[in-house]
Amino acid sequence: MKSRKNIVFLGMMGSGKTSIGSLISKKLNLEFYDTDRLIEKELNLSIAKIFEMKGEDFFRNLEEKTTLNILKKKKIVISLGGGAFLNKNIRDEVQRNHFSFWLKCDEETIYRRIKNSSKRPIVNKLNKSELINLSKKRSKIYSKAMYNINCDNLTKNEIIKKVINIYEAY
């Protein structure tokens, strides 16, 4: 493995960023960071509670600071929160200096995975149609990732193999 760049996963909540990222980090013997978990640990509050108590603007500002800070590390695997890549500062840094992978899933798949999640504050405010629209809107930004992986017809192992093959080719 020659690359010193980080592997950064982005996409909608429920797309598998954390589970795939964690598995890849183990296979490549790299540290794994989930930006949402880092924020929760820092404030000792769930993302849902942060949104409820401090608001989305507070969360997004902290998300930017936390994400840009963790991106300074080398040879790590990072799972971004669902909205992080929408932030231009984060997106510019990721596009310039890291391997970015959009884990793309069909909107129905996303909805099925997250519809009953109490830990995803955006979901609690949206119905199915609104969530599908949010996913389509975000897809325009997510598509700017270096690599787009359509996960709908792939197993976790196939996704992992694909990412590792790309990463190790550099």
C-alpha atoms as a PDB file:
ATOM      1  CA  MET A   1       0.000   0.000   0.000  1.00  0.00           C
ATOM      2  CA  LYS A   2       1.745   3.124  -1.241  1.00  0.00           C
ATOM      3  CA  SER A   3      -0.886   5.782  -0.636  1.00  0.00           C
ATOM      4  CA  ARG A   4      -0.782   8.021   2.392  1.00  0.00           C
ATOM      5  CA  LYS A   5      -4.167   9.485   1.603  1.00  0.00           C
ATOM      6  CA  ASN A   6      -7.216   8.849   3.723  1.00  0.00           C
ATOM      7  CA  ILE A   7     -10.235   6.874   2.635  1.00  0.00           C
ATOM      8  CA  VAL A   8     -13.362   8.971   3.164  1.00  0.00           C
ATOM      9  CA  PHE A   9     -16.881   7.561   2.908  1.00  0.00           C
ATOM     10  CA  LEU A  10     -19.835   9.796   2.210  1.00  0.00           C
ATOM     11  CA  GLY A  11     -23.481   9.350   1.403  1.00  0.00           C
ATOM     12  CA  MET A  12     -26.913   9.315   2.935  1.00  0.00           C
ATOM     13  CA  MET A  13     -27.524   8.138   6.443  1.00  0.00           C
ATOM     14  CA  GLY A  14     -28.053   4.395   6.336  1.00  0.00           C
ATOM     15  CA  SER A  15     -25.857   3.861   3.270  1.00  0.00           C
ATOM     16  CA  GLY A  16     -23.323   1.780   5.196  1.00  0.00           C
ATOM     17  CA  LYS A  17     -20.529   4.317   5.649  1.00  0.00           C
ATOM     18  CA  THR A  18     -19.761   3.300   9.225  1.00  0.00           C
ATOM     19  CA  SER A  19     -20.029  -0.463   8.784  1.00  0.00           C
ATOM     20  CA  ILE A  20     -18.048  -0.529   5.518  1.00  0.00           C
ATOM     21  CA  GLY A  21     -15.494   1.972   6.828  1.00  0.00           C
ATOM     22  CA  SER A  22     -14.938   0.015  10.003  1.00  0.00           C
ATOM     23  CA  LEU A  23     -14.458  -3.263   8.127  1.00  0.00           C
ATOM     24  CA  ILE A  24     -12.058  -1.700   5.616  1.00  0.00           C
ATOM     25  CA  SER A  25      -9.997  -0.103   8.367  1.00  0.00           C
ATOM     26  CA  LYS A  26      -9.563  -3.537   9.988  1.00  0.00           C
ATOM     27  CA  LYS A  27      -8.566  -5.172   6.698  1.00  0.00           C
ATOM     28  CA  LEU A  28      -6.026  -2.450   5.930  1.00  0.00           C
ATOM     29  CA  ASN A  29      -4.906  -2.093   9.555  1.00  0.00           C
ATOM     30  CA  LEU A  30      -5.756   1.621   9.585  1.00  0.00           C
ATOM     31  CA  GLU A  31      -7.478   3.686  12.253  1.00  0.00           C
ATOM     32  CA  PHE A  32     -11.184   4.327  11.744  1.00  0.00           C
ATOM     33  CA  TYR A  33     -13.071   7.516  12.617  1.00  0.00           C
ATOM     34  CA  ASP A  34     -16.769   8.234  12.358  1.00  0.00           C
ATOM     35  CA  THR A  35     -17.246  12.008  12.539  1.00  0.00           C
ATOM     36  CA  ASP A  36     -20.716  11.710  14.075  1.00  0.00           C
ATOM     37  CA  ARG A  37     -19.340   9.447  16.844  1.00  0.00           C
ATOM     38  CA  LEU A  38     -16.465  11.884  17.472  1.00  0.00           C
ATOM     39  CA  ILE A  39     -18.960  14.715  17.944  1.00  0.00           C
ATOM     40  CA  GLU A  40     -21.171  12.620  20.205  1.00  0.00           C
ATOM     41  CA  LYS A  41     -18.159  11.671  22.320  1.00  0.00           C
ATOM     42  CA  GLU A  42     -16.936  15.268  22.537  1.00  0.00           C
ATOM     43  CA  LEU A  43     -20.286  16.581  23.782  1.00  0.00           C
ATOM     44  CA  ASN A  44     -21.393  13.398  25.528  1.00  0.00           C
ATOM     45  CA  LEU A  45     -24.707  13.736  23.680  1.00  0.00           C
ATOM     46  CA  SER A  46     -26.332  11.852  20.817  1.00  0.00           C
ATOM     47  CA  ILE A  47     -26.628  13.617  17.458  1.00  0.00           C
ATOM     48  CA  ALA A  48     -30.396  13.715  17.980  1.00  0.00           C
ATOM     49  CA  LYS A  49     -29.937  15.430  21.367  1.00  0.00           C
ATOM     50  CA  ILE A  50     -27.433  17.914  19.911  1.00  0.00           C
ATOM     51  CA  PHE A  51     -29.969  18.863  17.214  1.00  0.00           C
ATOM     52  CA  GLU A  52     -32.730  19.103  19.817  1.00  0.00           C
ATOM     53  CA  MET A  53     -30.797  21.084  22.435  1.00  0.00           C
ATOM     54  CA  LYS A  54     -28.424  23.213  20.364  1.00  0.00           C
ATOM     55  CA  GLY A  55     -29.877  23.208  16.846  1.00  0.00           C
ATOM     56  CA  GLU A  56     -28.655  22.161  13.441  1.00  0.00           C
ATOM     57  CA  ASP A  57     -26.482  25.262  12.888  1.00  0.00           C
ATOM     58  CA  PHE A  58     -24.504  24.515  16.049  1.00  0.00           C
ATOM     59  CA  PHE A  59     -24.094  20.901  14.947  1.00  0.00           C
ATOM     60  CA  ARG A  60     -22.983  21.825  11.409  1.00  0.00           C
ATOM     61  CA  ASN A  61     -20.362  24.262  12.738  1.00  0.00           C
ATOM     62  CA  LEU A  62     -18.985  21.630  15.100  1.00  0.00           C
ATOM     63  CA  GLU A  63     -19.134  19.029  12.325  1.00  0.00           C
ATOM     64  CA  GLU A  64     -17.014  21.246  10.069  1.00  0.00           C
ATOM     65  CA  LYS A  65     -14.411  21.872  12.774  1.00  0.00           C
ATOM     66  CA  THR A  66     -14.260  18.203  13.806  1.00  0.00           C
ATOM     67  CA  THR A  67     -14.118  16.894  10.241  1.00  0.00           C
ATOM     68  CA  LEU A  68     -11.453  19.303   9.010  1.00  0.00           C
ATOM     69  CA  ASN A  69      -9.377  18.471  12.078  1.00  0.00           C
ATOM     70  CA  ILE A  70      -9.588  14.687  11.605  1.00  0.00           C
ATOM     71  CA  LEU A  71      -8.806  15.033   7.883  1.00  0.00           C
ATOM     72  CA  LYS A  72      -5.355  16.326   8.873  1.00  0.00           C
ATOM     73  CA  LYS A  73      -4.384  12.808   9.913  1.00  0.00           C
ATOM     74  CA  LYS A  74      -2.823  10.467   7.336  1.00  0.00           C
ATOM     75  CA  LYS A  75      -3.674   6.925   6.324  1.00  0.00           C
ATOM     76  CA  ILE A  76      -6.977   6.623   8.155  1.00  0.00           C
ATOM     77  CA  VAL A  77     -10.512   5.658   7.205  1.00  0.00           C
ATOM     78  CA  ILE A  78     -13.268   8.210   7.847  1.00  0.00           C
ATOM     79  CA  SER A  79     -17.033   7.988   7.743  1.00  0.00           C
ATOM     80  CA  LEU A  80     -18.622  11.406   7.276  1.00  0.00           C
ATOM     81  CA  GLY A  81     -22.037  12.292   8.600  1.00  0.00           C
ATOM     82  CA  GLY A  82     -24.738  12.330   5.932  1.00  0.00           C
ATOM     83  CA  GLY A  83     -24.702  16.111   5.569  1.00  0.00           C
ATOM     84  CA  ALA A  84     -20.965  16.750   5.981  1.00  0.00           C
ATOM     85  CA  PHE A  85     -20.006  16.609   2.283  1.00  0.00           C
ATOM     86  CA  LEU A  86     -22.598  19.305   1.569  1.00  0.00           C
ATOM     87  CA  ASN A  87     -20.312  21.714   3.429  1.00  0.00           C
ATOM     88  CA  LYS A  88     -18.094  23.373   0.808  1.00  0.00           C
ATOM     89  CA  ASN A  89     -15.045  23.583   3.096  1.00  0.00           C
ATOM     90  CA  ILE A  90     -15.226  19.883   3.923  1.00  0.00           C
ATOM     91  CA  ARG A  91     -15.973  18.938   0.317  1.00  0.00           C
ATOM     92  CA  ASP A  92     -13.051  20.979  -1.041  1.00  0.00           C
ATOM     93  CA  GLU A  93     -10.621  19.395   1.431  1.00  0.00           C
ATOM     94  CA  VAL A  94     -11.871  15.881   0.710  1.00  0.00           C
ATOM     95  CA  GLN A  95     -11.750  16.385  -3.068  1.00  0.00           C
ATOM     96  CA  ARG A  96      -8.237  17.843  -3.003  1.00  0.00           C
ATOM     97  CA  ASN A  97      -6.456  15.483  -0.659  1.00  0.00           C
ATOM     98  CA  HIS A  98      -8.312  12.233  -0.042  1.00  0.00           C
ATOM     99  CA  PHE A  99      -9.856   9.184  -1.696  1.00  0.00           C
ATOM    100  CA  SER A 100     -13.598   9.783  -1.463  1.00  0.00           C
ATOM    101  CA  PHE A 101     -16.190   7.087  -1.986  1.00  0.00           C
ATOM    102  CA  TRP A 102     -19.896   7.768  -2.299  1.00  0.00           C
ATOM    103  CA  LEU A 103     -21.771   4.719  -1.086  1.00  0.00           C
ATOM    104  CA  LYS A 104     -24.832   5.160  -3.246  1.00  0.00           C
ATOM    105  CA  CYS A 105     -28.014   3.320  -2.363  1.00  0.00           C
ATOM    106  CA  ASP A 106     -31.484   3.431  -3.830  1.00  0.00           C
ATOM    107  CA  GLU A 107     -33.793   5.805  -1.941  1.00  0.00           C
ATOM    108  CA  GLU A 108     -36.147   2.946  -1.029  1.00  0.00           C
ATOM    109  CA  THR A 109     -33.221   1.040   0.495  1.00  0.00           C
ATOM    110  CA  ILE A 110     -32.209   4.081   2.536  1.00  0.00           C
ATOM    111  CA  TYR A 111     -35.762   4.621   3.714  1.00  0.00           C
ATOM    112  CA  ARG A 112     -36.154   0.971   4.727  1.00  0.00           C
ATOM    113  CA  ARG A 113     -32.888   1.049   6.703  1.00  0.00           C
ATOM    114  CA  ILE A 114     -33.522   4.251   8.641  1.00  0.00           C
ATOM    115  CA  LYS A 115     -37.289   4.719   8.909  1.00  0.00           C
ATOM    116  CA  ASN A 116     -37.460   3.613  12.538  1.00  0.00           C
ATOM    117  CA  SER A 117     -34.204   5.150  13.704  1.00  0.00           C
ATOM    118  CA  SER A 118     -34.472   7.421  16.697  1.00  0.00           C
ATOM    119  CA  LYS A 119     -30.817   8.438  16.451  1.00  0.00           C
ATOM    120  CA  ARG A 120     -31.132  10.234  13.102  1.00  0.00           C
ATOM    121  CA  PRO A 121     -32.650  13.673  13.768  1.00  0.00           C
ATOM    122  CA  ILE A 122     -33.295  14.562  10.118  1.00  0.00           C
ATOM    123  CA  VAL A 123     -35.411  11.421   9.665  1.00  0.00           C
ATOM    124  CA  ASN A 124     -37.677  12.281  12.544  1.00  0.00           C
ATOM    125  CA  LYS A 125     -38.839  15.413  10.709  1.00  0.00           C
ATOM    126  CA  LEU A 126     -39.370  13.869   7.258  1.00  0.00           C
ATOM    127  CA  ASN A 127     -41.920  11.558   5.729  1.00  0.00           C
ATOM    128  CA  LYS A 128     -40.932   9.008   3.081  1.00  0.00           C
ATOM    129  CA  SER A 129     -41.476  11.355   0.140  1.00  0.00           C
ATOM    130  CA  GLU A 130     -39.453  14.140   1.783  1.00  0.00           C
ATOM    131  CA  LEU A 131     -36.628  11.724   2.606  1.00  0.00           C
ATOM    132  CA  ILE A 132     -36.508  10.525  -0.999  1.00  0.00           C
ATOM    133  CA  ASN A 133     -36.387  14.150  -2.186  1.00  0.00           C
ATOM    134  CA  LEU A 134     -33.585  14.918   0.287  1.00  0.00           C
ATOM    135  CA  SER A 135     -31.642  11.929  -1.004  1.00  0.00           C
ATOM    136  CA  LYS A 136     -32.068  13.016  -4.626  1.00  0.00           C
ATOM    137  CA  LYS A 137     -31.024  16.579  -3.781  1.00  0.00           C
ATOM    138  CA  ARG A 138     -27.935  15.438  -1.872  1.00  0.00           C
ATOM    139  CA  SER A 139     -27.006  13.026  -4.663  1.00  0.00           C
ATOM    140  CA  LYS A 140     -26.020  15.969  -6.854  1.00  0.00           C
ATOM    141  CA  ILE A 141     -23.329  16.875  -4.304  1.00  0.00           C
ATOM    142  CA  TYR A 142     -22.406  13.300  -3.363  1.00  0.00           C
ATOM    143  CA  SER A 143     -21.728  12.550  -7.040  1.00  0.00           C
ATOM    144  CA  LYS A 144     -18.692  14.846  -6.799  1.00  0.00           C
ATOM    145  CA  ALA A 145     -16.863  12.162  -4.818  1.00  0.00           C
ATOM    146  CA  MET A 146     -13.805  10.669  -6.498  1.00  0.00           C
ATOM    147  CA  TYR A 147     -15.513   7.264  -6.739  1.00  0.00           C
ATOM    148  CA  ASN A 148     -19.213   6.400  -6.808  1.00  0.00           C
ATOM    149  CA  ILE A 149     -20.116   2.896  -5.724  1.00  0.00           C
ATOM    150  CA  ASN A 150     -23.648   1.712  -6.389  1.00  0.00           C
ATOM    151  CA  CYS A 151     -24.221  -0.542  -3.393  1.00  0.00           C
ATOM    152  CA  ASP A 152     -27.681  -1.843  -4.272  1.00  0.00           C
ATOM    153  CA  ASN A 153     -26.536  -5.029  -5.992  1.00  0.00           C
ATOM    154  CA  LEU A 154     -23.303  -5.586  -4.090  1.00  0.00           C
ATOM    155  CA  THR A 155     -22.600  -7.448  -0.879  1.00  0.00           C
ATOM    156  CA  LYS A 156     -20.548  -5.808   1.860  1.00  0.00           C
ATOM    157  CA  ASN A 157     -17.597  -7.972   0.858  1.00  0.00           C
ATOM    158  CA  GLU A 158     -17.869  -6.883  -2.786  1.00  0.00           C
ATOM    159  CA  ILE A 159     -17.962  -3.218  -1.764  1.00  0.00           C
ATOM    160  CA  ILE A 160     -14.955  -3.701   0.512  1.00  0.00           C
ATOM    161  CA  LYS A 161     -12.997  -5.485  -2.202  1.00  0.00           C
ATOM    162  CA  LYS A 162     -13.782  -2.742  -4.716  1.00  0.00           C
ATOM    163  CA  VAL A 163     -12.644   0.036  -2.358  1.00  0.00           C
ATOM    164  CA  ILE A 164      -9.467  -1.780  -1.329  1.00  0.00           C
ATOM    165  CA  ASN A 165      -8.551  -2.528  -4.945  1.00  0.00           C
ATOM    166  CA  ILE A 166      -8.864   1.161  -5.836  1.00  0.00           C
ATOM    167  CA  TYR A 167      -6.949   2.297  -2.770  1.00  0.00           C
ATOM    168  CA  GLU A 168      -4.113  -0.166  -3.175  1.00  0.00           C
ATOM    169  CA  ALA A 169      -3.668   0.688  -6.856  1.00  0.00           C
ATOM    170  CA  TYR A 170      -2.175   4.046  -5.786  1.00  0.00           C
END
